[in-house]
Amino acid sequence: MVLIIIPFIASLLALFFKDKLAKVLALTASVVQLITNFVLLSGFDLKANAFQYFSSYTWFNSLGLNFTSGIDGIAMVMLLLTNLASVLIILSSWDNNYASMTKFLSLVLLMQGALNGVFLSMNGLMFYIFWELALLPIYFIVGIWGGENRIKITFKFFIYTFLGSLLMLLALIFVYLHTPGDHSFEWDQMIIAQMTGWESTLVLWAFFIAFAIKMPIFPFHTWQADTYSVAPAQGTMLLSGIMLKMGIFGMIRWMYPMAKNACGCNYNIFIILAVIGIIYAAIIAIKQNDIKRVIAWSSVSHVGLIAAGIMTWNKEGLQGGILQSFNHGINVIGLFFIAEIIERRLKTRELTQMGGLAKYSRGFSFLFMVIMLGSVAVPFTNGFTGEFLLLNATFNYHVILGVVSGLTIIFCAVYMLRVYQLAMFGPEKDNGIRIGKLSWSEFVTLGLIVVLVLAIGIFPNWILNISETSVDGLLNIMKGGKTL
């Protein structure tokens, strides 16, 4: 509960402070939130196949809405990502002077609290409420502080997410009506709902479309690149670093256990769509000249691999997907922040207008290089272990799909090295603009991300050990075993 309460209170308080004090408050609240998360982790039993810190409060009993929350290893990883990423995102905004900065920070904190609620929820209706609540702040962030054509693009984003949320709500209600006894939205009751094969298949597809839009997976991705490009930098970080993980988590926590009676042939379709997205988005990324759009399309490609690995529904795929979700969140925040730093100095995002930046910004070029290598999944960086597990799981599921998915290694190296080469080592432009010295907040933000890229690359078991028991328990549920 405290992981929800702290950011909500800080969000309200931020409205009553001036810009500088609001920044201090937001950063302090996010750091306190992260410390609280680590305190919970220190008391978390990694070997216990059960939800911990469980609590349930009756809210609207007639609707079956209880404020039920709990943490297993999978949720713990997502909570750590959310609260760590929030610190990085707020810190990255330190040098920005958006109009109504207090409102901007208030919305970021509100979104943090709602995201924590999504990962803590053990009641289907509560999950839906926090899911919708997490969408509201980003609507306003993109709509108010976004770039050109933001109204049109935000409306498209709204339509996509609204339709996805509606399908998810219908699926939750359908499962609720098939729970035993007096019906319940509680997770442990919903996963034992009695549904026929075709009913489970309907639920599966409703959940899949809802979560595929959020991630996004081909062909539900068309809102993503435009929204990422027009959103302010921190809005893009929220969307790509944390919010798309709602879809990944939803598949693991809700779609998979509740639609377990659906025909497994459906997952063949899902994995094929994910693999198409890997290649399709990577090819588009190679052709982009806008650095922000390169990163946006690379995110679609990376998430496609995560989705393909998860939907093999074996231990390697699930563990790799959870680890890579964490890594992707850290890396993509770093890449979008680098894009913002370059745009702020050069007043452009066009790669053809950059060049020779490393000559005058060696510290920045080193930090950029490490984060870029993490995205490419070079050994001893954070992206390597997760990507290896995902590719291995996909290859074991189907050789051809595994081989095609493996092309992501080549494509990712092409578009990321192209970006780095054109920006850092391309022909020096005559406009006289240089990156110059990083501010303390820029250096600390990028420095923390680099430390994480290297630390998790060398010690990936730190994340894998947190989720392993819960993944084993989830797979046991799918085999008809005892619930968590």
Protein backbone atom coordinates (compact mmCIF):
# COMPACT_ATOMS: atom_id res chain seq x y z
CA MET A 1 0.00 0.00 0.00
CA VAL A 2 2.79 2.42 0.87
CA LEU A 3 4.13 2.11 -2.71
CA ILE A 4 0.84 3.60 -3.91
CA ILE A 5 0.26 6.15 -1.14
CA ILE A 6 3.65 7.92 -1.23
CA PRO A 7 3.56 9.04 -4.90
CA PHE A 8 -0.14 9.95 -4.68
CA ILE A 9 0.48 12.24 -1.68
CA ALA A 10 3.60 13.71 -3.32
CA SER A 11 1.61 14.28 -6.52
CA LEU A 12 -0.94 16.36 -4.62
CA LEU A 13 1.68 18.29 -2.64
CA ALA A 14 3.69 19.15 -5.77
CA LEU A 15 0.82 21.34 -6.98
CA PHE A 16 1.36 23.72 -4.04
CA PHE A 17 5.08 24.31 -4.61
CA LYS A 18 6.98 26.52 -7.00
CA ASP A 19 8.93 24.87 -9.80
CA LYS A 20 12.30 24.43 -8.05
CA LEU A 21 10.78 23.19 -4.79
CA ALA A 22 8.45 20.92 -6.75
CA LYS A 23 11.50 19.32 -8.41
CA VAL A 24 13.11 18.74 -5.00
CA LEU A 25 9.88 17.28 -3.63
CA ALA A 26 9.36 14.99 -6.64
CA LEU A 27 12.93 13.71 -6.59
CA THR A 28 12.85 13.20 -2.81
CA ALA A 29 9.54 11.33 -2.98
CA SER A 30 10.80 9.08 -5.79
CA VAL A 31 14.01 8.30 -3.88
CA VAL A 32 12.02 7.51 -0.71
CA GLN A 33 9.78 5.29 -2.84
CA LEU A 34 12.80 3.43 -4.23
CA ILE A 35 14.28 2.97 -0.75
CA THR A 36 10.92 1.62 0.45
CA ASN A 37 10.93 -0.83 -2.45
CA PHE A 38 14.40 -2.06 -1.47
CA VAL A 39 13.28 -2.43 2.14
CA LEU A 40 10.41 -4.64 0.93
CA LEU A 41 12.88 -6.59 -1.21
CA SER A 42 15.17 -7.15 1.79
CA GLY A 43 12.30 -8.84 3.64
CA PHE A 44 11.14 -10.77 0.58
CA ASP A 45 11.56 -14.56 0.76
CA LEU A 46 12.95 -15.55 -2.64
CA LYS A 47 12.16 -19.23 -2.06
CA ALA A 48 8.52 -18.82 -1.00
CA ASN A 49 6.03 -19.86 -3.65
CA ALA A 50 3.38 -17.44 -2.39
CA PHE A 51 2.32 -13.81 -2.61
CA GLN A 52 3.96 -11.78 0.14
CA TYR A 53 2.97 -8.51 1.82
CA PHE A 54 -0.59 -9.62 1.07
CA SER A 55 -3.45 -7.36 2.15
CA SER A 56 -7.17 -7.15 1.35
CA TYR A 57 -9.71 -4.49 2.27
CA THR A 58 -13.37 -4.58 1.33
CA TRP A 59 -14.32 -1.62 -0.84
CA PHE A 60 -17.56 -2.31 -2.74
CA ASN A 61 -18.56 -5.77 -1.67
CA SER A 62 -21.62 -5.89 -3.94
CA LEU A 63 -19.35 -5.39 -6.97
CA GLY A 64 -16.73 -7.83 -5.76
CA LEU A 65 -14.24 -4.97 -5.55
CA ASN A 66 -11.72 -5.51 -2.80
CA PHE A 67 -8.53 -3.53 -2.43
CA THR A 68 -6.42 -6.68 -2.62
CA SER A 69 -2.67 -6.45 -3.15
CA GLY A 70 0.29 -8.77 -2.99
CA ILE A 71 3.81 -9.16 -4.32
CA ASP A 72 5.42 -12.19 -5.92
CA GLY A 73 8.81 -12.27 -7.62
CA ILE A 74 7.43 -11.17 -11.00
CA ALA A 75 5.65 -8.16 -9.50
CA MET A 76 8.73 -7.30 -7.43
CA VAL A 77 10.88 -6.95 -10.57
CA MET A 78 8.27 -4.69 -12.18
CA LEU A 79 7.98 -2.59 -9.02
CA LEU A 80 11.76 -2.19 -8.87
CA LEU A 81 11.79 -1.08 -12.50
CA THR A 82 8.94 1.39 -11.95
CA ASN A 83 10.45 3.04 -8.90
CA LEU A 84 14.02 3.05 -10.20
CA ALA A 85 12.93 4.42 -13.58
CA SER A 86 10.86 7.12 -11.86
CA VAL A 87 13.97 8.41 -10.09
CA LEU A 88 15.87 8.52 -13.38
CA ILE A 89 13.00 10.21 -15.24
CA ILE A 90 12.47 12.91 -12.61
CA LEU A 91 16.23 13.49 -12.36
CA SER A 92 16.44 13.79 -16.16
CA SER A 93 13.82 16.57 -16.09
CA TRP A 94 15.88 18.73 -13.71
CA ASP A 95 17.20 21.06 -16.44
CA ASN A 96 13.84 21.36 -18.17
CA ASN A 97 11.59 24.34 -17.63
CA TYR A 98 8.26 23.20 -18.96
CA ALA A 99 5.34 25.57 -18.62
CA SER A 100 3.52 24.60 -15.39
CA MET A 101 6.42 22.40 -14.26
CA THR A 102 4.61 21.65 -10.99
CA LYS A 103 1.67 20.14 -12.87
CA PHE A 104 4.04 18.14 -15.05
CA LEU A 105 5.81 16.63 -12.03
CA SER A 106 2.49 16.03 -10.30
CA LEU A 107 1.32 13.97 -13.28
CA VAL A 108 4.59 11.98 -13.33
CA LEU A 109 4.15 11.10 -9.64
CA LEU A 110 0.48 10.23 -10.17
CA MET A 111 1.49 7.89 -12.96
CA GLN A 112 4.13 6.28 -10.76
CA GLY A 113 1.56 5.52 -8.07
CA ALA A 114 -0.93 4.12 -10.61
CA LEU A 115 1.75 1.91 -12.20
CA ASN A 116 2.63 0.52 -8.78
CA GLY A 117 -1.07 -0.18 -8.30
CA VAL A 118 -1.17 -2.16 -11.56
CA PHE A 119 1.68 -4.42 -10.44
CA LEU A 120 0.33 -4.83 -6.89
CA SER A 121 -3.29 -5.59 -7.82
CA MET A 122 -4.69 -9.02 -6.95
CA ASN A 123 -8.27 -8.09 -7.81
CA GLY A 124 -9.33 -7.92 -11.45
CA LEU A 125 -11.45 -4.79 -11.09
CA MET A 126 -8.75 -3.07 -9.04
CA PHE A 127 -6.24 -3.98 -11.77
CA TYR A 128 -8.49 -2.38 -14.37
CA ILE A 129 -8.96 0.81 -12.31
CA PHE A 130 -5.23 1.32 -11.85
CA TRP A 131 -4.66 0.42 -15.52
CA GLU A 132 -6.97 3.25 -16.59
CA LEU A 133 -5.59 5.63 -13.96
CA ALA A 134 -2.07 5.09 -15.30
CA LEU A 135 -3.24 6.22 -18.75
CA LEU A 136 -4.70 9.57 -17.68
CA PRO A 137 -1.41 11.33 -16.77
CA ILE A 138 0.29 10.38 -20.04
CA TYR A 139 -2.67 11.71 -22.04
CA PHE A 140 -2.17 15.11 -20.45
CA ILE A 141 1.63 14.98 -20.58
CA VAL A 142 1.62 14.32 -24.34
CA GLY A 143 -1.39 16.56 -25.04
CA ILE A 144 -0.07 19.59 -23.12
CA TRP A 145 3.72 19.39 -23.43
CA GLY A 146 4.02 17.42 -26.69
CA GLY A 147 5.29 18.71 -30.01
CA GLU A 148 3.70 19.38 -33.36
CA ASN A 149 0.40 17.59 -34.15
CA ARG A 150 0.18 16.45 -30.53
CA ILE A 151 -3.63 16.74 -30.38
CA LYS A 152 -4.18 14.51 -33.42
CA ILE A 153 -1.58 11.97 -32.29
CA THR A 154 -2.82 11.94 -28.69
CA PHE A 155 -6.36 11.31 -29.93
CA LYS A 156 -5.14 8.32 -31.96
CA PHE A 157 -3.32 7.03 -28.88
CA PHE A 158 -6.51 7.49 -26.85
CA ILE A 159 -8.63 5.52 -29.33
CA TYR A 160 -6.17 2.63 -29.39
CA THR A 161 -5.82 2.41 -25.62
CA PHE A 162 -9.55 2.92 -24.99
CA LEU A 163 -10.47 0.02 -27.26
CA GLY A 164 -7.81 -2.15 -25.66
CA SER A 165 -9.00 -1.30 -22.16
CA LEU A 166 -12.60 -2.02 -23.12
CA LEU A 167 -11.68 -5.47 -24.41
CA MET A 168 -9.75 -6.17 -21.22
CA LEU A 169 -12.69 -5.11 -19.04
CA LEU A 170 -15.05 -7.34 -21.02
CA ALA A 171 -12.65 -10.26 -20.59
CA LEU A 172 -12.40 -9.66 -16.83
CA ILE A 173 -16.19 -9.51 -16.47
CA PHE A 174 -16.59 -12.67 -18.54
CA VAL A 175 -14.11 -14.55 -16.35
CA TYR A 176 -15.80 -13.11 -13.23
CA LEU A 177 -19.15 -14.58 -14.34
CA HIS A 178 -17.53 -18.00 -14.60
CA THR A 179 -15.85 -17.99 -11.19
CA PRO A 180 -17.19 -20.53 -8.66
CA GLY A 181 -19.73 -19.70 -5.95
CA ASP A 182 -20.97 -16.12 -5.68
CA HIS A 183 -18.45 -14.91 -8.26
CA SER A 184 -15.35 -12.90 -7.48
CA PHE A 185 -12.80 -10.60 -9.08
CA GLU A 186 -10.08 -11.97 -6.80
CA TRP A 187 -7.13 -13.32 -8.80
CA ASP A 188 -7.01 -16.69 -7.04
CA GLN A 189 -10.70 -17.24 -7.88
CA MET A 190 -10.49 -15.96 -11.45
CA ILE A 191 -7.72 -18.38 -12.40
CA ILE A 192 -9.95 -21.33 -11.47
CA ALA A 193 -12.97 -20.03 -13.43
CA GLN A 194 -14.80 -22.83 -15.21
CA MET A 195 -14.80 -22.07 -18.94
CA THR A 196 -15.00 -24.22 -22.02
CA GLY A 197 -12.24 -24.23 -24.61
CA TRP A 198 -13.94 -21.75 -26.93
CA GLU A 199 -14.83 -19.44 -24.02
CA SER A 200 -11.20 -19.47 -22.91
CA THR A 201 -10.18 -18.69 -26.48
CA LEU A 202 -12.45 -15.61 -26.55
CA VAL A 203 -10.93 -14.43 -23.27
CA LEU A 204 -7.43 -15.13 -24.58
CA TRP A 205 -7.93 -13.00 -27.69
CA ALA A 206 -9.55 -10.14 -25.77
CA PHE A 207 -6.64 -10.05 -23.33
CA PHE A 208 -4.07 -10.45 -26.09
CA ILE A 209 -5.35 -7.51 -28.15
CA ALA A 210 -5.55 -5.29 -25.05
CA PHE A 211 -2.00 -6.11 -23.98
CA ALA A 212 -0.62 -6.19 -27.53
CA ILE A 213 -1.79 -2.59 -28.04
CA LYS A 214 -0.04 -1.51 -24.87
CA MET A 215 3.31 -3.17 -25.61
CA PRO A 216 2.85 -2.79 -28.70
CA ILE A 217 2.99 -5.92 -30.90
CA PHE A 218 2.57 -5.93 -34.70
CA PRO A 219 0.04 -5.04 -36.13
CA PHE A 220 -1.25 -3.06 -33.11
CA HIS A 221 1.83 -0.81 -33.09
CA THR A 222 0.84 2.04 -35.42
CA TRP A 223 0.21 4.53 -32.60
CA GLN A 224 3.62 4.08 -31.05
CA ALA A 225 6.27 5.80 -33.19
CA ASP A 226 4.25 9.01 -33.64
CA THR A 227 3.35 9.17 -29.94
CA TYR A 228 6.94 8.54 -28.83
CA SER A 229 8.20 11.20 -31.25
CA VAL A 230 5.74 13.93 -30.30
CA ALA A 231 5.80 13.34 -26.53
CA PRO A 232 8.19 15.39 -24.39
CA ALA A 233 11.33 13.44 -23.49
CA GLN A 234 10.16 12.40 -20.04
CA GLY A 235 6.77 11.41 -21.43
CA THR A 236 8.49 9.14 -23.95
CA MET A 237 10.58 7.64 -21.14
CA LEU A 238 7.43 6.90 -19.15
CA LEU A 239 5.74 5.32 -22.17
CA SER A 240 8.67 3.19 -23.27
CA GLY A 241 10.47 2.58 -19.99
CA ILE A 242 7.58 1.60 -17.76
CA MET A 243 4.12 1.80 -19.28
CA LEU A 244 4.57 -0.79 -22.01
CA LYS A 245 5.64 -3.22 -19.25
CA MET A 246 1.99 -3.14 -18.13
CA GLY A 247 1.19 -5.17 -21.24
CA ILE A 248 4.00 -7.66 -20.59
CA PHE A 249 2.95 -8.05 -16.96
CA GLY A 250 -0.71 -8.36 -17.96
CA MET A 251 0.09 -11.28 -20.25
CA ILE A 252 2.01 -13.11 -17.53
CA ARG A 253 -0.26 -12.38 -14.56
CA TRP A 254 -3.74 -12.28 -16.11
CA MET A 255 -3.90 -13.59 -19.68
CA TYR A 256 -1.82 -16.72 -19.26
CA PRO A 257 -3.43 -18.24 -16.12
CA MET A 258 -7.02 -17.24 -16.93
CA ALA A 259 -7.05 -18.49 -20.52
CA LYS A 260 -5.08 -21.66 -19.85
CA ASN A 261 -7.84 -23.84 -21.35
CA ALA A 262 -7.61 -22.10 -24.72
CA CYS A 263 -6.13 -23.97 -27.65
CA GLY A 264 -2.35 -23.68 -27.66
CA CYS A 265 -2.49 -23.12 -31.43
CA ASN A 266 -3.42 -19.48 -30.73
CA TYR A 267 0.04 -18.87 -29.35
CA ASN A 268 1.54 -19.88 -32.70
CA ILE A 269 -0.28 -16.90 -34.22
CA PHE A 270 0.83 -14.59 -31.40
CA ILE A 271 4.49 -15.59 -31.70
CA ILE A 272 4.46 -15.21 -35.49
CA LEU A 273 3.04 -11.68 -35.11
CA ALA A 274 5.73 -10.86 -32.55
CA VAL A 275 8.51 -12.16 -34.82
CA ILE A 276 7.14 -10.20 -37.79
CA GLY A 277 7.27 -7.11 -35.57
CA ILE A 278 10.91 -7.79 -34.68
CA ILE A 279 12.04 -7.69 -38.31
CA TYR A 280 9.54 -5.12 -39.61
CA ALA A 281 10.37 -2.54 -36.91
CA ALA A 282 14.12 -3.13 -37.19
CA ILE A 283 14.10 -2.49 -40.94
CA ILE A 284 12.13 0.72 -40.46
CA ALA A 285 14.55 1.81 -37.70
CA ILE A 286 17.48 1.44 -40.09
CA LYS A 287 15.83 3.83 -42.56
CA GLN A 288 15.03 6.61 -40.05
CA ASN A 289 16.90 9.92 -39.95
CA ASP A 290 15.21 11.22 -36.76
CA ILE A 291 17.17 9.86 -33.78
CA LYS A 292 14.04 9.69 -31.62
CA ARG A 293 12.16 7.66 -34.24
CA VAL A 294 15.09 5.25 -34.55
CA ILE A 295 14.84 4.55 -30.82
CA ALA A 296 11.03 4.34 -31.02
CA TRP A 297 11.11 1.70 -33.75
CA SER A 298 13.94 -0.16 -32.02
CA SER A 299 11.66 -0.40 -28.98
CA VAL A 300 8.97 -2.11 -31.10
CA SER A 301 11.58 -4.60 -32.31
CA HIS A 302 12.93 -5.34 -28.82
CA VAL A 303 9.47 -5.73 -27.33
CA GLY A 304 8.57 -8.13 -30.14
CA LEU A 305 11.39 -10.40 -29.00
CA ILE A 306 10.25 -10.16 -25.37
CA ALA A 307 6.69 -11.07 -26.39
CA ALA A 308 7.84 -14.01 -28.55
CA GLY A 309 9.93 -15.39 -25.71
CA ILE A 310 7.20 -15.00 -23.11
CA MET A 311 4.60 -16.70 -25.28
CA THR A 312 6.66 -19.85 -25.61
CA TRP A 313 5.49 -20.31 -22.01
CA ASN A 314 8.58 -22.11 -20.80
CA LYS A 315 10.89 -21.13 -17.96
CA GLU A 316 13.65 -19.71 -20.15
CA GLY A 317 11.21 -17.57 -22.10
CA LEU A 318 9.47 -16.21 -19.03
CA GLN A 319 12.69 -15.55 -17.13
CA GLY A 320 14.27 -13.95 -20.19
CA GLY A 321 11.18 -11.82 -20.78
CA ILE A 322 11.09 -10.54 -17.20
CA LEU A 323 14.82 -9.80 -17.16
CA GLN A 324 14.74 -8.14 -20.56
CA SER A 325 11.71 -6.05 -19.57
CA PHE A 326 13.79 -4.62 -16.74
CA ASN A 327 16.81 -4.09 -19.00
CA HIS A 328 14.80 -2.57 -21.82
CA GLY A 329 13.25 -0.09 -19.40
CA ILE A 330 16.66 1.10 -18.21
CA ASN A 331 18.29 1.19 -21.66
CA VAL A 332 15.48 2.94 -23.50
CA ILE A 333 15.29 5.67 -20.84
CA GLY A 334 19.01 6.24 -21.34
CA LEU A 335 18.70 6.36 -25.13
CA PHE A 336 15.77 8.79 -25.12
CA PHE A 337 17.60 11.00 -22.61
CA ILE A 338 20.65 11.02 -24.88
CA ALA A 339 18.38 12.04 -27.76
CA GLU A 340 16.98 14.88 -25.63
CA ILE A 341 20.45 16.12 -24.63
CA ILE A 342 21.51 16.22 -28.29
CA GLU A 343 18.28 17.91 -29.38
CA ARG A 344 18.51 20.50 -26.60
CA ARG A 345 22.05 21.48 -27.68
CA LEU A 346 21.79 21.13 -31.47
CA LYS A 347 18.10 22.09 -31.87
CA THR A 348 17.62 19.14 -34.19
CA ARG A 349 16.95 15.41 -34.10
CA GLU A 350 18.12 14.77 -37.67
CA LEU A 351 21.16 12.49 -37.82
CA THR A 352 22.38 14.18 -41.01
CA GLN A 353 22.69 17.45 -39.04
CA MET A 354 24.98 15.89 -36.43
CA GLY A 355 28.57 14.76 -36.62
CA GLY A 356 31.89 14.88 -34.82
CA LEU A 357 30.31 15.32 -31.40
CA ALA A 358 32.73 12.87 -29.71
CA LYS A 359 35.67 15.19 -30.44
CA TYR A 360 34.35 17.80 -28.01
CA SER A 361 32.32 15.58 -25.67
CA ARG A 362 34.38 12.54 -24.73
CA GLY A 363 32.57 11.88 -21.46
CA PHE A 364 29.19 12.03 -23.16
CA SER A 365 30.37 9.82 -26.02
CA PHE A 366 31.57 7.16 -23.53
CA LEU A 367 28.28 7.13 -21.61
CA PHE A 368 26.36 7.00 -24.91
CA MET A 369 28.52 4.11 -26.11
CA VAL A 370 27.95 1.94 -23.03
CA ILE A 371 24.17 2.45 -23.13
CA MET A 372 24.15 1.79 -26.87
CA LEU A 373 26.12 -1.46 -26.37
CA GLY A 374 23.61 -2.53 -23.71
CA SER A 375 20.83 -2.08 -26.24
CA VAL A 376 22.80 -4.10 -28.81
CA ALA A 377 23.19 -6.84 -26.15
CA VAL A 378 26.98 -7.05 -26.20
CA PRO A 379 28.30 -9.64 -23.67
CA PHE A 380 28.80 -8.24 -20.14
CA THR A 381 26.11 -5.63 -20.70
CA ASN A 382 22.61 -5.99 -19.30
CA GLY A 383 20.94 -6.81 -22.63
CA PHE A 384 23.00 -9.95 -23.30
CA THR A 385 21.62 -12.50 -20.83
CA GLY A 386 17.96 -11.63 -21.35
CA GLU A 387 18.28 -11.67 -25.13
CA PHE A 388 20.13 -15.00 -25.03
CA LEU A 389 17.37 -16.59 -22.92
CA LEU A 390 14.65 -15.22 -25.19
CA LEU A 391 16.31 -16.39 -28.40
CA ASN A 392 17.03 -19.80 -26.93
CA ALA A 393 13.40 -20.18 -25.82
CA THR A 394 12.10 -19.12 -29.24
CA PHE A 395 14.56 -21.42 -31.04
CA ASN A 396 13.50 -24.38 -28.90
CA TYR A 397 9.85 -23.57 -29.61
CA HIS A 398 10.37 -23.49 -33.38
CA VAL A 399 13.69 -23.50 -35.21
CA ILE A 400 12.63 -21.21 -38.08
CA LEU A 401 11.05 -18.65 -35.73
CA GLY A 402 14.18 -18.77 -33.59
CA VAL A 403 16.47 -18.18 -36.57
CA VAL A 404 14.35 -15.27 -37.85
CA SER A 405 14.21 -13.76 -34.35
CA GLY A 406 17.98 -14.05 -34.18
CA LEU A 407 18.28 -11.54 -37.01
CA THR A 408 17.52 -8.90 -34.38
CA ILE A 409 21.16 -9.21 -33.29
CA ILE A 410 22.35 -8.06 -36.73
CA PHE A 411 19.65 -5.44 -37.32
CA CYS A 412 20.02 -3.88 -33.88
CA ALA A 413 23.77 -3.56 -34.34
CA VAL A 414 23.19 -1.90 -37.74
CA TYR A 415 20.77 0.81 -36.64
CA MET A 416 22.36 1.56 -33.25
CA LEU A 417 25.91 1.71 -34.60
CA ARG A 418 24.64 3.85 -37.47
CA VAL A 419 23.17 6.33 -35.00
CA TYR A 420 26.35 6.40 -32.94
CA GLN A 421 28.61 6.73 -35.96
CA LEU A 422 26.63 9.57 -37.56
CA ALA A 423 26.25 11.52 -34.32
CA MET A 424 29.63 10.94 -32.69
CA PHE A 425 32.07 10.25 -35.54
CA GLY A 426 30.40 11.53 -38.69
CA PRO A 427 31.82 14.51 -40.59
CA GLU A 428 31.99 17.50 -38.30
CA LYS A 429 29.41 20.15 -39.19
CA ASP A 430 30.29 23.82 -39.60
CA ASN A 431 27.47 25.12 -37.41
CA GLY A 432 29.79 25.43 -34.40
CA ILE A 433 27.37 23.64 -32.09
CA ARG A 434 28.88 21.23 -29.57
CA ILE A 435 27.46 19.09 -26.78
CA GLY A 436 29.78 20.71 -24.27
CA LYS A 437 29.93 19.83 -20.60
CA LEU A 438 27.05 17.85 -19.13
CA SER A 439 25.13 19.35 -16.21
CA TRP A 440 25.29 17.51 -12.89
CA SER A 441 21.80 16.04 -13.36
CA GLU A 442 22.61 14.84 -16.89
CA PHE A 443 25.87 13.26 -15.76
CA VAL A 444 24.32 11.57 -12.71
CA THR A 445 21.36 10.24 -14.70
CA LEU A 446 23.49 8.78 -17.48
CA GLY A 447 26.10 7.61 -14.97
CA LEU A 448 23.53 5.66 -12.97
CA ILE A 449 22.19 4.05 -16.15
CA VAL A 450 25.72 3.03 -17.22
CA VAL A 451 26.34 1.48 -13.80
CA LEU A 452 23.12 -0.52 -14.14
CA VAL A 453 23.98 -1.62 -17.70
CA LEU A 454 27.32 -3.02 -16.54
CA ALA A 455 26.25 -4.32 -13.11
CA ILE A 456 23.25 -6.31 -14.41
CA GLY A 457 25.33 -7.47 -17.36
CA ILE A 458 27.86 -9.00 -14.99
CA PHE A 459 25.38 -10.10 -12.29
CA PRO A 460 22.09 -10.92 -14.07
CA ASN A 461 21.14 -13.45 -11.40
CA TRP A 462 20.26 -10.55 -9.13
CA ILE A 463 17.09 -10.11 -11.16
CA LEU A 464 16.61 -13.73 -12.22
CA ASN A 465 16.69 -15.01 -8.63
CA ILE A 466 13.89 -12.65 -7.62
CA SER A 467 11.46 -13.99 -10.22
CA GLU A 468 12.52 -17.65 -10.50
CA THR A 469 10.30 -19.19 -7.81
CA SER A 470 7.25 -17.27 -9.01
CA VAL A 471 7.86 -18.35 -12.61
CA ASP A 472 8.07 -21.99 -11.43
CA GLY A 473 4.81 -21.51 -9.53
CA LEU A 474 3.10 -19.99 -12.57
CA LEU A 475 4.17 -22.88 -14.79
CA ASN A 476 2.89 -25.27 -12.12
CA ILE A 477 -0.54 -23.57 -12.26
CA MET A 478 -0.63 -24.14 -15.99
CA LYS A 479 -0.02 -27.84 -15.42
CA GLY A 480 -3.00 -27.99 -13.07
CA GLY A 481 -0.99 -27.70 -9.91
CA LYS A 482 -1.61 -25.75 -6.73
CA THR A 483 -2.11 -21.99 -6.95
CA LEU A 484 0.29 -19.54 -5.35
